[in-house]
N, C-alpha and C. Protein backbone atom coordinates (compact mmCIF):
# COMPACT_ATOMS: atom_id res chain seq x y z
N UNK A 1 -20.41 -4.26 -13.88
CA UNK A 1 -20.89 -4.03 -12.46
C UNK A 1 -19.58 -2.91 -11.85
N UNK A 2 -18.61 -3.52 -12.20
CA UNK A 2 -17.22 -2.87 -10.98
C UNK A 2 -17.07 -1.55 -12.09
N UNK A 3 -17.27 -1.71 -13.12
CA UNK A 3 -17.03 -0.54 -13.93
C UNK A 3 -17.55 1.08 -13.84
N UNK A 4 -19.34 1.01 -12.78
CA UNK A 4 -19.70 1.71 -12.38
C UNK A 4 -19.39 2.26 -11.01
N UNK A 5 -17.94 1.51 -10.56
CA UNK A 5 -17.57 2.15 -9.29
C UNK A 5 -16.30 3.59 -10.34
N UNK A 6 -15.84 2.89 -10.67
CA UNK A 6 -15.09 3.94 -11.68
C UNK A 6 -13.82 4.03 -11.34
N UNK A 7 -13.42 2.90 -11.15
CA UNK A 7 -11.61 2.71 -10.73
C UNK A 7 -10.96 3.54 -11.52
N UNK A 8 -9.93 3.86 -10.97
CA UNK A 8 -9.12 4.36 -10.86
C UNK A 8 -7.71 4.07 -11.69
N UNK A 9 -7.58 3.10 -10.80
CA UNK A 9 -6.24 2.08 -11.03
C UNK A 9 -6.94 0.25 -10.72
N UNK A 10 -6.31 -0.23 -11.69
CA UNK A 10 -6.29 -1.75 -11.27
C UNK A 10 -5.60 -2.09 -11.14
N UNK A 11 -4.91 -3.24 -10.42
CA UNK A 11 -3.66 -4.10 -10.09
C UNK A 11 -4.26 -5.59 -9.83
N UNK A 12 -2.94 -6.23 -10.31
CA UNK A 12 -4.27 -7.66 -10.17
C UNK A 12 -2.23 -8.49 -9.90
N UNK A 13 -2.65 -9.77 -9.39
CA UNK A 13 -1.65 -10.59 -9.50
C UNK A 13 -1.01 -10.94 -11.01
N UNK A 14 0.61 -11.14 -11.23
CA UNK A 14 0.90 -11.31 -12.02
C UNK A 14 0.55 -12.97 -12.34
N UNK A 15 -0.56 -13.43 -11.70
CA UNK A 15 -0.42 -15.19 -12.72
C UNK A 15 -1.73 -14.63 -13.04
N UNK A 16 -1.69 -15.89 -14.54
CA UNK A 16 -2.91 -15.84 -15.59
C UNK A 16 -4.07 -15.47 -15.23
N UNK A 17 -4.48 -16.23 -14.15
CA UNK A 17 -5.58 -16.35 -13.97
C UNK A 17 -6.38 -15.03 -13.51
N UNK A 18 -5.62 -14.26 -12.52
CA UNK A 18 -5.77 -13.06 -12.03
C UNK A 18 -6.07 -11.84 -13.14
N UNK A 19 -4.91 -12.45 -14.16
CA UNK A 19 -4.74 -11.18 -15.44
C UNK A 19 -5.71 -10.98 -16.32
N UNK A 20 -6.53 -12.55 -16.35
CA UNK A 20 -6.93 -12.80 -17.32
C UNK A 20 -8.89 -12.09 -16.72
N UNK A 21 -8.82 -12.43 -15.33
CA UNK A 21 -9.98 -11.60 -15.18
C UNK A 21 -10.07 -9.83 -15.24
N UNK A 22 -8.72 -9.39 -14.96
CA UNK A 22 -8.61 -8.06 -14.82
C UNK A 22 -8.83 -7.54 -15.65
N UNK A 23 -8.09 -8.06 -17.05
CA UNK A 23 -7.94 -7.46 -18.31
C UNK A 23 -9.58 -6.70 -18.99
N UNK A 24 -10.50 -7.66 -19.05
CA UNK A 24 -11.70 -7.38 -19.31
C UNK A 24 -12.24 -6.16 -18.55
N UNK A 25 -12.35 -5.95 -17.26
CA UNK A 25 -12.37 -4.93 -16.95
C UNK A 25 -11.79 -3.45 -17.86
N UNK A 26 -10.43 -3.78 -17.32
CA UNK A 26 -9.44 -2.54 -17.46
C UNK A 26 -9.85 -2.12 -19.46
N UNK A 27 -10.02 -3.27 -20.08
CA UNK A 27 -10.31 -2.46 -21.27
C UNK A 27 -12.01 -2.04 -21.30
N UNK A 28 -13.01 -2.30 -20.91
CA UNK A 28 -14.44 -1.30 -20.86
C UNK A 28 -13.61 0.16 -20.09
N UNK A 29 -12.80 0.61 -18.67
CA UNK A 29 -12.55 1.33 -18.39
C UNK A 29 -11.27 2.25 -19.45
N UNK A 30 -10.54 1.80 -20.32
CA UNK A 30 -9.66 2.23 -20.90
C UNK A 30 -8.54 2.48 -19.64
N UNK A 31 -8.19 1.38 -19.02
CA UNK A 31 -7.25 1.54 -17.72
C UNK A 31 -6.40 0.30 -18.45
N UNK A 32 -4.93 0.85 -17.92
CA UNK A 32 -3.92 -0.32 -18.23
C UNK A 32 -3.76 -1.43 -16.55
N UNK A 33 -3.79 -3.00 -16.86
CA UNK A 33 -3.74 -3.24 -15.67
C UNK A 33 -2.25 -3.66 -14.89
N UNK A 34 -1.46 -3.21 -14.06
CA UNK A 34 -0.30 -3.50 -13.58
C UNK A 34 -0.28 -4.54 -12.59
N UNK A 35 0.78 -4.71 -12.28
CA UNK A 35 0.54 -6.24 -11.58
C UNK A 35 1.75 -5.88 -10.04
N UNK A 36 1.25 -7.24 -9.43
CA UNK A 36 2.15 -6.68 -8.35
C UNK A 36 1.76 -8.42 -7.69
N UNK A 37 3.56 -8.88 -7.89
CA UNK A 37 3.72 -10.66 -7.40
C UNK A 37 3.01 -10.63 -5.45
N UNK A 38 3.10 -9.51 -5.20
CA UNK A 38 2.97 -9.50 -3.57
C UNK A 38 1.52 -9.83 -3.26
N UNK A 39 0.39 -9.93 -4.67
CA UNK A 39 -0.72 -10.67 -4.95
C UNK A 39 -1.16 -12.18 -5.48
N UNK A 40 0.07 -12.62 -5.58
CA UNK A 40 -0.28 -14.35 -5.98
C UNK A 40 -0.89 -15.09 -4.89
N UNK A 41 -1.56 -15.86 -4.72
CA UNK A 41 -1.83 -16.93 -4.17
C UNK A 41 -0.93 -17.47 -3.20
N UNK A 42 -0.99 -17.93 -2.07
CA UNK A 42 -0.41 -18.56 -1.16
C UNK A 42 0.40 -19.69 -2.14
N UNK A 43 2.08 -19.70 -1.84
CA UNK A 43 2.91 -20.77 -2.33
C UNK A 43 2.57 -21.96 -1.37
N UNK A 44 1.90 -23.09 -1.79
CA UNK A 44 1.81 -24.33 -1.19
C UNK A 44 3.06 -25.21 -1.13
N UNK A 45 4.27 -25.03 -1.45
CA UNK A 45 5.29 -26.07 -1.54
C UNK A 45 5.42 -27.29 -2.21
N UNK A 46 5.41 -28.30 -1.46
CA UNK A 46 4.96 -29.83 -1.75
C UNK A 46 3.52 -29.50 -2.53
N UNK A 47 2.76 -28.99 -1.97
CA UNK A 47 1.31 -29.12 -2.03
C UNK A 47 0.84 -28.80 -3.60
N UNK A 48 1.61 -27.90 -4.36
CA UNK A 48 1.29 -27.08 -5.29
C UNK A 48 1.07 -28.64 -6.05
N UNK A 49 -0.42 -27.91 -6.92
CA UNK A 49 -0.65 -28.43 -8.03
C UNK A 49 -1.63 -30.03 -7.67
N UNK A 50 -1.23 -30.38 -6.53
CA UNK A 50 -2.21 -31.52 -6.08
C UNK A 50 -3.68 -30.60 -5.64
N UNK A 51 -4.91 -31.48 -5.93
CA UNK A 51 -6.29 -31.28 -5.31
C UNK A 51 -6.16 -31.96 -3.75
N UNK A 52 -7.83 -30.93 -3.62
CA UNK A 52 -7.68 -31.26 -2.10
C UNK A 52 -7.83 -32.81 -1.71
N UNK A 53 -8.40 -33.29 -2.65
CA UNK A 53 -8.64 -34.74 -1.88
C UNK A 53 -7.37 -35.49 -1.94
N UNK A 54 -6.20 -35.47 -2.48
CA UNK A 54 -4.82 -35.82 -3.03
C UNK A 54 -3.99 -35.19 -1.70
N UNK A 55 -4.04 -34.08 -1.15
CA UNK A 55 -3.68 -33.56 0.15
C UNK A 55 -4.23 -34.33 1.10
N UNK A 56 -5.52 -34.48 1.30
CA UNK A 56 -5.66 -34.98 2.42
C UNK A 56 -5.04 -36.42 2.48
N UNK A 57 -5.10 -36.77 1.60
CA UNK A 57 -4.33 -38.52 1.50
C UNK A 57 -3.00 -38.57 1.73
N UNK A 58 -2.59 -37.33 1.17
CA UNK A 58 -1.09 -37.54 1.82
C UNK A 58 -0.34 -36.94 2.79
N UNK A 59 -1.10 -35.59 3.03
CA UNK A 59 -0.69 -34.92 4.08
C UNK A 59 -1.64 -34.47 4.72
N UNK A 60 -2.44 -34.92 5.23
CA UNK A 60 -3.86 -34.97 5.87
C UNK A 60 -3.95 -34.56 7.46
N UNK A 61 -2.32 -35.09 8.34
CA UNK A 61 -2.47 -34.08 9.28
C UNK A 61 -1.79 -32.87 9.40
N UNK A 62 -1.06 -32.63 8.33
CA UNK A 62 -0.13 -31.43 8.21
C UNK A 62 -1.11 -30.40 7.76
N UNK A 63 -2.46 -30.72 6.82
CA UNK A 63 -3.63 -30.03 6.15
C UNK A 63 -4.59 -29.48 7.42
N UNK A 64 -4.66 -30.67 8.08
CA UNK A 64 -5.48 -30.02 9.56
C UNK A 64 -4.95 -29.18 10.08
N UNK A 65 -3.72 -28.87 10.27
CA UNK A 65 -2.67 -28.21 11.13
C UNK A 65 -2.75 -27.11 10.49
N UNK A 66 -2.48 -27.26 9.31
CA UNK A 66 -2.75 -25.84 8.18
C UNK A 66 -3.87 -24.95 8.28
N UNK A 67 -4.87 -25.95 8.21
CA UNK A 67 -6.33 -25.17 8.35
C UNK A 67 -6.60 -24.19 9.75
N UNK A 68 -6.43 -25.02 10.39
CA UNK A 68 -6.49 -24.31 12.06
C UNK A 68 -5.32 -23.35 12.25
N UNK A 69 -4.61 -23.21 11.66
CA UNK A 69 -3.65 -21.72 11.85
C UNK A 69 -2.79 -20.96 11.20
N UNK A 70 -2.83 -19.60 11.55
CA UNK A 70 -2.34 -19.17 10.40
C UNK A 70 -0.63 -18.66 10.09
N UNK A 71 -0.26 -19.72 10.92
CA UNK A 71 1.12 -19.65 11.48
C UNK A 71 1.90 -21.29 11.43
N UNK A 72 1.22 -21.99 10.57
CA UNK A 72 1.33 -22.84 9.87
C UNK A 72 1.89 -22.98 8.53
N UNK A 73 2.76 -23.48 7.73
CA UNK A 73 3.40 -22.86 6.63
C UNK A 73 2.36 -24.38 5.93
N UNK A 74 1.55 -24.01 4.64
CA UNK A 74 1.86 -24.72 3.88
C UNK A 74 2.14 -25.90 3.00
N UNK A 75 2.67 -27.08 3.69
CA UNK A 75 3.02 -28.07 3.53
C UNK A 75 4.32 -28.19 4.35
N UNK A 76 5.52 -28.72 3.67
CA UNK A 76 6.58 -28.19 4.68
C UNK A 76 7.67 -26.80 4.52
N UNK A 77 7.61 -26.67 2.78
CA UNK A 77 8.26 -25.44 2.75
C UNK A 77 7.27 -24.27 2.07
N UNK A 78 5.90 -24.31 2.40
CA UNK A 78 5.31 -23.15 1.69
C UNK A 78 5.11 -22.05 2.75
N UNK A 79 4.58 -21.03 2.26
CA UNK A 79 3.81 -19.90 3.80
C UNK A 79 2.87 -20.31 4.06
N UNK A 80 3.21 -19.38 5.71
CA UNK A 80 1.72 -19.25 6.09
C UNK A 80 0.87 -18.28 5.53
N UNK A 81 -0.33 -18.35 6.21
CA UNK A 81 -0.94 -17.53 6.15
C UNK A 81 -1.10 -16.22 6.57
N UNK A 82 -0.33 -16.02 7.99
CA UNK A 82 0.85 -14.42 7.81
C UNK A 82 1.51 -13.92 7.09
N UNK A 83 2.23 -14.77 6.90
CA UNK A 83 3.10 -14.34 5.19
C UNK A 83 2.49 -13.78 4.44
N UNK A 84 1.19 -14.92 3.77
CA UNK A 84 0.37 -14.03 3.01
C UNK A 84 -0.22 -12.86 2.62
N UNK A 85 -0.60 -12.52 4.41
CA UNK A 85 -1.55 -11.51 4.45
C UNK A 85 -1.19 -10.20 4.56
N UNK A 86 0.57 -10.33 5.04
CA UNK A 86 1.11 -9.29 5.15
C UNK A 86 1.84 -8.57 3.91
N UNK A 87 2.02 -9.43 2.92
CA UNK A 87 2.33 -9.42 1.33
C UNK A 87 1.23 -9.05 0.92
N UNK A 88 0.22 -9.47 0.69
CA UNK A 88 -1.12 -8.46 0.18
C UNK A 88 -1.32 -7.38 0.73
N UNK A 89 -1.42 -7.48 1.74
CA UNK A 89 -1.75 -6.42 2.56
C UNK A 89 -1.07 -4.85 2.19
N UNK A 90 0.41 -5.28 1.96
CA UNK A 90 1.62 -4.21 1.51
C UNK A 90 1.62 -3.94 0.45
N UNK A 91 0.93 -4.93 -0.77
CA UNK A 91 0.67 -5.21 -2.29
C UNK A 91 -0.53 -4.23 -2.50
N UNK A 92 -1.84 -3.78 -1.43
CA UNK A 92 -2.94 -3.01 -1.75
C UNK A 92 -2.00 -1.74 -0.94
N UNK A 93 -1.76 -1.35 -0.08
CA UNK A 93 -1.03 -0.12 0.28
C UNK A 93 0.03 0.51 -0.91
N UNK A 94 0.83 -0.14 -1.52
CA UNK A 94 1.70 0.54 -2.98
C UNK A 94 0.63 0.55 -3.63
N UNK A 95 -0.09 -0.02 -4.03
CA UNK A 95 -1.26 0.51 -5.12
C UNK A 95 -1.85 1.67 -4.69
N UNK A 96 -2.74 1.42 -3.48
CA UNK A 96 -3.37 2.92 -3.26
C UNK A 96 -2.37 4.06 -2.99
N UNK A 97 -1.23 3.78 -2.94
CA UNK A 97 -0.50 5.20 -3.32
C UNK A 97 -0.54 5.97 -4.45
N UNK A 98 -1.33 4.94 -5.81
CA UNK A 98 -1.49 5.87 -7.32
C UNK A 98 -2.97 6.08 -7.11
N UNK A 99 -3.44 5.56 -6.04
CA UNK A 99 -5.02 6.71 -6.12
C UNK A 99 -4.95 7.56 -5.77
N UNK A 100 -6.01 8.44 -6.40
CA UNK A 100 -6.30 9.62 -5.61
C UNK A 100 -7.41 9.42 -4.58
N UNK A 101 -7.85 10.60 -4.05
CA UNK A 101 -8.64 10.51 -3.15
C UNK A 101 -10.19 10.60 -3.39
N UNK A 102 -10.94 9.56 -2.66
CA UNK A 102 -12.47 9.57 -3.13
C UNK A 102 -12.25 8.25 -4.35
N UNK A 103 -11.40 7.98 -4.64
CA UNK A 103 -11.56 7.26 -6.47
C UNK A 103 -11.29 5.74 -5.54
N UNK A 104 -11.27 5.26 -6.82
CA UNK A 104 -11.15 3.07 -6.50
C UNK A 104 -10.56 3.16 -7.20
N UNK A 105 -10.10 1.21 -6.39
CA UNK A 105 -9.41 0.37 -6.63
C UNK A 105 -9.60 -0.88 -6.49
N UNK A 106 -9.40 -1.10 -7.63
CA UNK A 106 -9.65 -2.61 -8.01
C UNK A 106 -8.33 -3.09 -7.93
N UNK A 107 -8.62 -4.15 -7.25
CA UNK A 107 -7.11 -5.96 -7.02
C UNK A 107 -7.91 -6.83 -7.37
N UNK A 108 -7.20 -7.27 -8.72
CA UNK A 108 -7.49 -8.67 -8.53
C UNK A 108 -6.38 -9.90 -8.33
N UNK A 109 -6.79 -10.63 -7.13
CA UNK A 109 -5.92 -11.48 -6.77
C UNK A 109 -6.77 -12.66 -6.96
N UNK A 110 -6.09 -13.95 -5.36
CA UNK A 110 -6.76 -15.26 -5.31
C UNK A 110 -7.53 -15.56 -4.00
N UNK A 111 -8.48 -16.37 -4.19
CA UNK A 111 -9.02 -16.71 -2.75
C UNK A 111 -8.55 -16.39 -1.66
N UNK A 112 -7.35 -17.61 -1.62
CA UNK A 112 -6.68 -17.47 -0.20
C UNK A 112 -5.98 -16.50 0.25
N UNK A 113 -5.62 -15.65 -0.45
CA UNK A 113 -4.65 -14.45 -0.68
C UNK A 113 -5.35 -13.21 -0.10
N UNK A 114 -6.56 -13.65 -1.00
CA UNK A 114 -7.65 -12.35 -0.40
C UNK A 114 -8.32 -12.41 0.69
N UNK A 115 -8.77 -13.68 1.13
CA UNK A 115 -9.18 -13.79 2.39
C UNK A 115 -8.17 -13.25 3.46
N UNK A 116 -7.22 -13.57 3.33
CA UNK A 116 -6.01 -13.23 4.65
C UNK A 116 -5.99 -12.03 4.23
N UNK A 117 -5.44 -11.30 3.14
CA UNK A 117 -5.36 -9.89 2.88
C UNK A 117 -6.01 -9.31 3.72
N UNK A 118 -7.75 -9.60 3.44
CA UNK A 118 -8.59 -8.90 4.09
C UNK A 118 -8.58 -8.94 5.61
N UNK A 119 -8.53 -9.75 5.69
CA UNK A 119 -8.92 -9.78 7.50
C UNK A 119 -7.25 -9.69 7.99
N UNK A 120 -6.19 -9.01 7.15
CA UNK A 120 -5.17 -8.38 7.75
C UNK A 120 -5.18 -6.58 7.77
N UNK A 121 -5.80 -6.27 6.46
CA UNK A 121 -6.50 -4.98 6.59
C UNK A 121 -7.18 -4.27 7.35
N UNK A 122 -8.41 -5.20 7.43
CA UNK A 122 -9.29 -4.88 8.77
C UNK A 122 -9.03 -5.19 9.96
N UNK A 123 -7.69 -5.31 10.24
CA UNK A 123 -7.22 -5.91 11.87
C UNK A 123 -7.97 -6.95 12.82
N UNK A 124 -8.06 -7.69 11.99
CA UNK A 124 -8.95 -9.10 12.97
C UNK A 124 -7.97 -9.77 13.10
N UNK A 125 -7.57 -10.61 14.27
CA UNK A 125 -6.83 -11.20 14.51
C UNK A 125 -6.93 -12.54 13.76
N UNK A 126 -5.83 -13.48 13.43
CA UNK A 126 -5.75 -14.32 12.02
C UNK A 126 -6.56 -15.44 12.57
N UNK A 127 -7.07 -15.80 13.80
CA UNK A 127 -7.84 -17.03 14.71
C UNK A 127 -8.95 -16.84 13.48
N UNK A 128 -9.47 -15.12 13.63
CA UNK A 128 -10.96 -15.01 13.15
C UNK A 128 -11.14 -14.76 11.54
N UNK A 129 -9.84 -15.11 10.65
CA UNK A 129 -9.98 -14.52 9.27
C UNK A 129 -10.60 -15.79 8.70
N UNK A 130 -11.09 -16.85 9.30
CA UNK A 130 -11.51 -17.90 8.41
C UNK A 130 -13.60 -17.63 8.59
N UNK A 131 -13.84 -16.84 9.79
CA UNK A 131 -15.10 -16.27 9.50
C UNK A 131 -15.83 -15.66 8.11
N UNK A 132 -14.75 -15.12 7.33
CA UNK A 132 -14.39 -14.62 5.99
C UNK A 132 -15.12 -15.49 5.04
N UNK A 133 -15.29 -16.89 5.18
CA UNK A 133 -15.22 -17.80 4.43
C UNK A 133 -14.62 -17.88 3.22
N UNK A 134 -14.98 -18.55 2.42
CA UNK A 134 -14.19 -19.18 1.24
C UNK A 134 -14.53 -18.40 -0.30
N UNK A 135 -14.04 -17.40 -0.79
CA UNK A 135 -14.22 -16.89 -2.05
C UNK A 135 -14.79 -17.52 -3.37
N UNK A 136 -15.83 -17.00 -3.75
CA UNK A 136 -16.09 -17.54 -5.08
C UNK A 136 -15.49 -17.02 -6.15
N UNK A 137 -14.88 -17.79 -7.45
CA UNK A 137 -14.12 -17.24 -8.48
C UNK A 137 -15.44 -16.32 -8.98
N UNK A 138 -14.82 -15.01 -9.35
CA UNK A 138 -14.77 -14.18 -9.95
C UNK A 138 -16.16 -13.34 -9.38
N UNK A 139 -15.90 -13.47 -7.44
CA UNK A 139 -16.91 -12.35 -6.65
C UNK A 139 -15.58 -11.55 -6.63
N UNK A 140 -16.12 -10.13 -5.33
CA UNK A 140 -15.72 -9.58 -5.11
C UNK A 140 -15.78 -9.09 -3.62
N UNK A 141 -15.22 -8.23 -3.05
CA UNK A 141 -15.40 -7.63 -2.01
C UNK A 141 -15.14 -6.33 -1.74
N UNK A 142 -16.03 -5.36 -1.58
CA UNK A 142 -16.06 -3.99 -1.08
C UNK A 142 -14.94 -3.69 0.04
N UNK A 143 -14.02 -2.89 0.53
CA UNK A 143 -13.23 -2.29 1.81
C UNK A 143 -13.88 -0.69 1.11
N UNK A 144 -14.22 0.16 2.17
CA UNK A 144 -14.09 1.33 2.06
C UNK A 144 -13.64 2.08 2.88
N UNK A 145 -12.66 3.17 2.91
CA UNK A 145 -12.29 3.49 3.81
C UNK A 145 -12.87 4.70 4.31
N UNK A 146 -12.55 4.68 5.72
CA UNK A 146 -13.36 5.47 6.94
C UNK A 146 -12.02 6.84 7.22
N UNK A 147 -12.77 7.93 6.21
CA UNK A 147 -12.32 9.15 5.99
C UNK A 147 -12.45 9.74 7.38
N UNK A 148 -13.44 9.68 8.09
CA UNK A 148 -13.92 10.26 8.91
C UNK A 148 -12.34 10.49 10.48
N UNK A 149 -11.69 9.59 10.58
CA UNK A 149 -10.52 9.17 11.29
C UNK A 149 -11.12 8.85 13.06
N UNK A 150 -12.39 8.52 12.79
CA UNK A 150 -12.75 7.77 14.23
C UNK A 150 -13.42 5.99 13.36
N UNK A 151 -12.81 5.17 14.43
CA UNK A 151 -13.03 3.97 14.71
C UNK A 151 -11.96 3.41 13.27
N UNK A 152 -12.72 2.42 12.81
CA UNK A 152 -11.30 1.86 12.17
C UNK A 152 -10.81 2.27 10.69
N UNK A 153 -9.75 1.88 10.58
CA UNK A 153 -9.49 2.85 8.91
C UNK A 153 -10.51 2.49 7.80
N UNK A 154 -11.11 0.85 7.79
CA UNK A 154 -11.37 0.08 7.06
C UNK A 154 -12.84 -0.07 7.28
N UNK A 155 -14.04 -0.22 6.26
CA UNK A 155 -14.97 -1.46 7.09
C UNK A 155 -14.89 -2.06 5.13
N UNK A 156 -15.54 -3.39 5.89
CA UNK A 156 -16.08 -4.59 4.97
C UNK A 156 -17.32 -4.04 4.54
N UNK A 157 -17.81 -3.58 3.42
CA UNK A 157 -19.26 -3.30 2.86
C UNK A 157 -19.90 -4.30 1.97
N UNK A 158 -19.21 -5.57 1.55
CA UNK A 158 -19.39 -6.29 0.80
C UNK A 158 -18.69 -8.06 1.05
N UNK A 159 -19.09 -8.74 0.61
CA UNK A 159 -18.02 -10.14 0.69
C UNK A 159 -18.22 -11.02 0.25
N UNK A 160 -17.54 -11.43 -1.32
CA UNK A 160 -17.76 -12.51 -2.08
C UNK A 160 -19.02 -12.26 -2.75
N UNK A 161 -19.01 -10.96 -2.96
CA UNK A 161 -20.59 -10.64 -3.58
C UNK A 161 -20.44 -10.98 -5.31
N UNK A 162 -21.79 -10.70 -5.60
CA UNK A 162 -21.88 -10.82 -7.45
C UNK A 162 -23.04 -9.62 -7.36
N UNK A 163 -22.91 -8.32 -6.48
CA UNK A 163 -23.69 -7.55 -6.85
C UNK A 163 -23.07 -6.29 -6.07
N UNK A 164 -23.22 -4.73 -6.05
CA UNK A 164 -22.93 -3.65 -5.53
C UNK A 164 -23.66 -3.30 -4.10
N UNK A 165 -22.62 -2.33 -3.54
CA UNK A 165 -23.77 -2.33 -2.61
C UNK A 165 -24.30 -1.04 -2.29
N UNK A 166 -25.23 -1.18 -1.84
CA UNK A 166 -26.60 -0.65 -1.74
C UNK A 166 -26.57 0.46 -0.25
N UNK A 167 -26.92 2.03 -0.90
CA UNK A 167 -26.70 2.95 0.04
C UNK A 167 -27.59 2.23 1.24
N UNK A 168 -27.34 2.64 2.95
CA UNK A 168 -28.64 2.20 3.48
C UNK A 168 -28.15 3.47 5.04
N UNK A 169 -29.08 3.49 5.62
CA UNK A 169 -28.81 4.21 6.84
C UNK A 169 -27.98 3.95 8.02
N UNK A 170 -27.31 4.29 8.45
CA UNK A 170 -26.66 3.86 9.34
C UNK A 170 -27.02 4.54 10.75
N UNK A 171 -26.64 4.28 11.61
CA UNK A 171 -26.34 5.33 13.28
C UNK A 171 -25.01 5.12 13.24
N UNK A 172 -24.04 5.39 12.63
CA UNK A 172 -22.45 5.53 12.72
C UNK A 172 -22.24 6.79 11.89
N UNK A 173 -23.00 6.84 10.78
CA UNK A 173 -22.71 8.36 9.68
C UNK A 173 -22.98 10.08 10.61
């Protein structure tokens, strides 16, 4: 389905899960996957490798605080969601510089990084990023650039999708 968008650039996190997801699409399109470390998942410090129940048992209060605040680091030495959002948005911007007018970019990253990055790119206040919900593995979101110059730069067309957006009449065209 994503191949029908005819992307001209595919960029992925350099972590194997994202690369393994990006490669089949690149093969179909005859494109090369480039990597950007800015698309990595949140560095969780002491929480790295723990399951959610293990984090709840060992770090319950801290986990609750992290869940409620984009400014709280994951674990003691991990990243904040604000840091993740800024590095993901910067990675997307770097990739967009290689995409021609009217062309599509595919970004392959991880759920938490994607949600924070999308919130940042859309200009949502961090306290509202959670309204986007958790992304399902191998689902995608579609952001469309507003080229009219009126209103926000980006529009969220699809979120956590398994299908592509369908044309719809709108009163803002």
